[in-house]
Amino acid sequence: MALTVVPSLAAQPSEEAVDEPAVKASVPPQWVAVFGEQTRVLLESGDVERQENAMMLILQYEQRPDLEIDFRPAVPALFDIYEGSADEGHRLLALSTLQAIGGEPVLIRLAERLREHREASDRVKRHTIRVLAAHLQHSEAD
């Protein structure tokens, strides 16, 4: 059974609640404030289908510049999947999701895992190196 997280219309501020246009634009919908935490719960569920759904949602919503969703609460659970899953595809999806969330702590932990030779899978190792190289290229371009 798949659990789909859908924003609640009731959780969004009503038009009457906020009158000024500047204030309306600065108030995110309520679901945006808790969405990162909801994905963390799905990732920690232990259910592979729910975990994959959560990772796909993160990948989808990370591409939305109009929403500022904080997915940092999901990072520890993503690392648990990346480092501990027996399924390479599941691990690579976690790696892609970590790359989408980004941030120095994520990149440092990925680099440390490679430096300490803790990665047994050549495929996961190659993709991790690509993620780190892409970040370095992007950093140098800025």
Protein backbone atom coordinates (compact mmCIF):
# COMPACT_ATOMS: atom_id res chain seq x y z
CA MET A 1 0.00 0.00 0.00
CA ALA A 2 1.47 3.33 -1.03
CA LEU A 3 1.04 6.44 1.05
CA THR A 4 0.77 9.62 -0.92
CA VAL A 5 1.33 12.90 0.85
CA VAL A 6 -1.11 15.45 -0.52
CA PRO A 7 -1.27 19.03 0.66
CA SER A 8 -4.43 19.75 2.58
CA LEU A 9 -6.50 22.62 1.29
CA ALA A 10 -7.68 23.25 4.83
CA ALA A 11 -4.08 23.82 5.95
CA GLN A 12 -3.54 26.73 3.56
CA PRO A 13 -4.26 30.29 4.68
CA SER A 14 -7.56 31.62 3.39
CA GLU A 15 -7.83 34.76 1.32
CA GLU A 16 -9.67 36.53 4.15
CA ALA A 17 -7.00 35.64 6.70
CA VAL A 18 -4.33 37.72 4.96
CA ASP A 19 -5.33 41.01 3.35
CA GLU A 20 -2.10 42.62 2.24
CA PRO A 21 -0.55 41.31 -1.02
CA ALA A 22 3.00 41.56 0.35
CA VAL A 23 2.08 39.44 3.34
CA LYS A 24 0.26 36.90 1.16
CA ALA A 25 3.37 36.41 -0.96
CA SER A 26 5.60 35.85 2.07
CA VAL A 27 3.38 33.32 3.86
CA PRO A 28 4.03 29.80 2.54
CA PRO A 29 1.19 27.31 2.55
CA GLN A 30 1.14 25.31 5.78
CA TRP A 31 1.99 22.05 4.00
CA VAL A 32 5.29 23.50 2.75
CA ALA A 33 6.40 24.04 6.34
CA VAL A 34 5.93 20.37 7.28
CA PHE A 35 6.57 18.57 3.99
CA GLY A 36 10.25 17.87 4.68
CA GLU A 37 9.34 16.31 8.01
CA GLN A 38 6.64 14.21 6.36
CA THR A 39 9.12 12.82 3.85
CA ARG A 40 11.46 11.95 6.74
CA VAL A 41 8.68 9.89 8.34
CA LEU A 42 8.10 8.03 5.06
CA LEU A 43 11.83 7.37 4.64
CA GLU A 44 12.06 5.96 8.16
CA SER A 45 9.02 3.70 7.64
CA GLY A 46 11.09 0.72 6.51
CA ASP A 47 8.63 0.20 3.65
CA VAL A 48 10.60 0.26 0.38
CA GLU A 49 7.66 1.53 -1.67
CA ARG A 50 7.01 4.40 0.73
CA GLN A 51 10.71 5.24 0.79
CA GLU A 52 10.88 5.33 -2.99
CA ASN A 53 7.74 7.47 -3.16
CA ALA A 54 9.25 9.90 -0.66
CA MET A 55 12.49 10.12 -2.65
CA MET A 56 10.58 10.75 -5.88
CA LEU A 57 8.55 13.49 -4.16
CA ILE A 58 11.74 15.14 -2.91
CA LEU A 59 13.28 15.00 -6.38
CA GLN A 60 10.12 16.49 -7.88
CA TYR A 61 9.70 19.30 -5.34
CA GLU A 62 13.40 20.21 -5.22
CA GLN A 63 12.98 21.35 -8.82
CA ARG A 64 10.29 23.86 -7.86
CA PRO A 65 11.94 27.27 -7.39
CA ASP A 66 8.61 28.74 -6.29
CA LEU A 67 8.59 26.55 -3.16
CA GLU A 68 11.21 26.64 -0.45
CA ILE A 69 10.81 23.26 1.19
CA ASP A 70 13.36 22.29 3.82
CA PHE A 71 14.22 18.65 3.17
CA ARG A 72 17.17 18.63 5.60
CA PRO A 73 15.17 16.57 8.15
CA ALA A 74 15.16 13.74 5.58
CA VAL A 75 18.95 13.65 5.12
CA PRO A 76 19.79 11.20 7.96
CA ALA A 77 17.17 8.73 6.73
CA LEU A 78 18.46 9.10 3.16
CA PHE A 79 21.98 8.31 4.35
CA ASP A 80 20.63 5.24 6.16
CA ILE A 81 19.23 4.02 2.83
CA TYR A 82 22.31 5.06 0.83
CA GLU A 83 24.68 3.34 3.25
CA GLY A 84 22.58 0.38 4.34
CA SER A 85 20.20 -0.85 1.66
CA ALA A 86 20.99 -4.17 0.02
CA ASP A 87 19.39 -2.94 -3.23
CA GLU A 88 21.79 -0.93 -5.42
CA GLY A 89 18.94 0.81 -7.25
CA HIS A 90 17.45 1.92 -3.96
CA ARG A 91 20.86 3.22 -2.87
CA LEU A 92 21.35 5.11 -6.14
CA LEU A 93 17.93 6.72 -5.79
CA ALA A 94 18.92 7.82 -2.28
CA LEU A 95 22.18 9.22 -3.69
CA SER A 96 20.29 11.19 -6.36
CA THR A 97 17.96 12.52 -3.70
CA LEU A 98 20.87 13.55 -1.49
CA GLN A 99 22.43 15.30 -4.48
CA ALA A 100 19.18 17.19 -5.13
CA ILE A 101 19.00 18.36 -1.51
CA GLY A 102 22.71 19.22 -1.56
CA GLY A 103 24.55 21.21 1.05
CA GLU A 104 28.06 20.94 2.43
CA PRO A 105 27.24 18.38 5.17
CA VAL A 106 25.85 15.99 2.54
CA LEU A 107 28.86 16.36 0.27
CA ILE A 108 31.33 16.02 3.13
CA ARG A 109 29.72 12.78 4.31
CA LEU A 110 29.72 11.35 0.77
CA ALA A 111 33.39 12.25 0.36
CA GLU A 112 34.29 10.73 3.74
CA ARG A 113 32.59 7.47 2.80
CA LEU A 114 34.77 7.25 -0.32
CA ARG A 115 37.92 8.36 1.46
CA GLU A 116 37.47 5.71 4.14
CA HIS A 117 36.92 3.00 1.49
CA ARG A 118 33.59 2.02 3.03
CA GLU A 119 31.85 1.58 -0.31
CA ALA A 120 31.80 -2.02 -1.55
CA SER A 121 29.71 -1.46 -4.68
CA ASP A 122 31.72 -0.23 -7.66
CA ARG A 123 28.54 1.09 -9.28
CA VAL A 124 27.53 3.15 -6.24
CA LYS A 125 31.14 4.32 -5.85
CA ARG A 126 31.27 5.54 -9.48
CA HIS A 127 27.98 7.42 -9.13
CA THR A 128 29.09 8.97 -5.85
CA ILE A 129 32.28 10.19 -7.50
CA ARG A 130 30.18 11.70 -10.31
CA VAL A 131 27.98 13.52 -7.78
CA LEU A 132 31.04 14.98 -6.05
CA ALA A 133 32.69 15.90 -9.36
CA ALA A 134 29.52 17.62 -10.58
CA HIS A 135 29.44 19.67 -7.39
CA LEU A 136 33.10 20.68 -7.83
CA GLN A 137 32.47 21.70 -11.45
CA HIS A 138 29.44 23.72 -10.43
CA SER A 139 31.41 25.38 -7.61
CA GLU A 140 34.26 26.32 -9.93
CA ALA A 141 31.81 27.80 -12.45
CA ASP A 142 30.37 30.14 -9.82
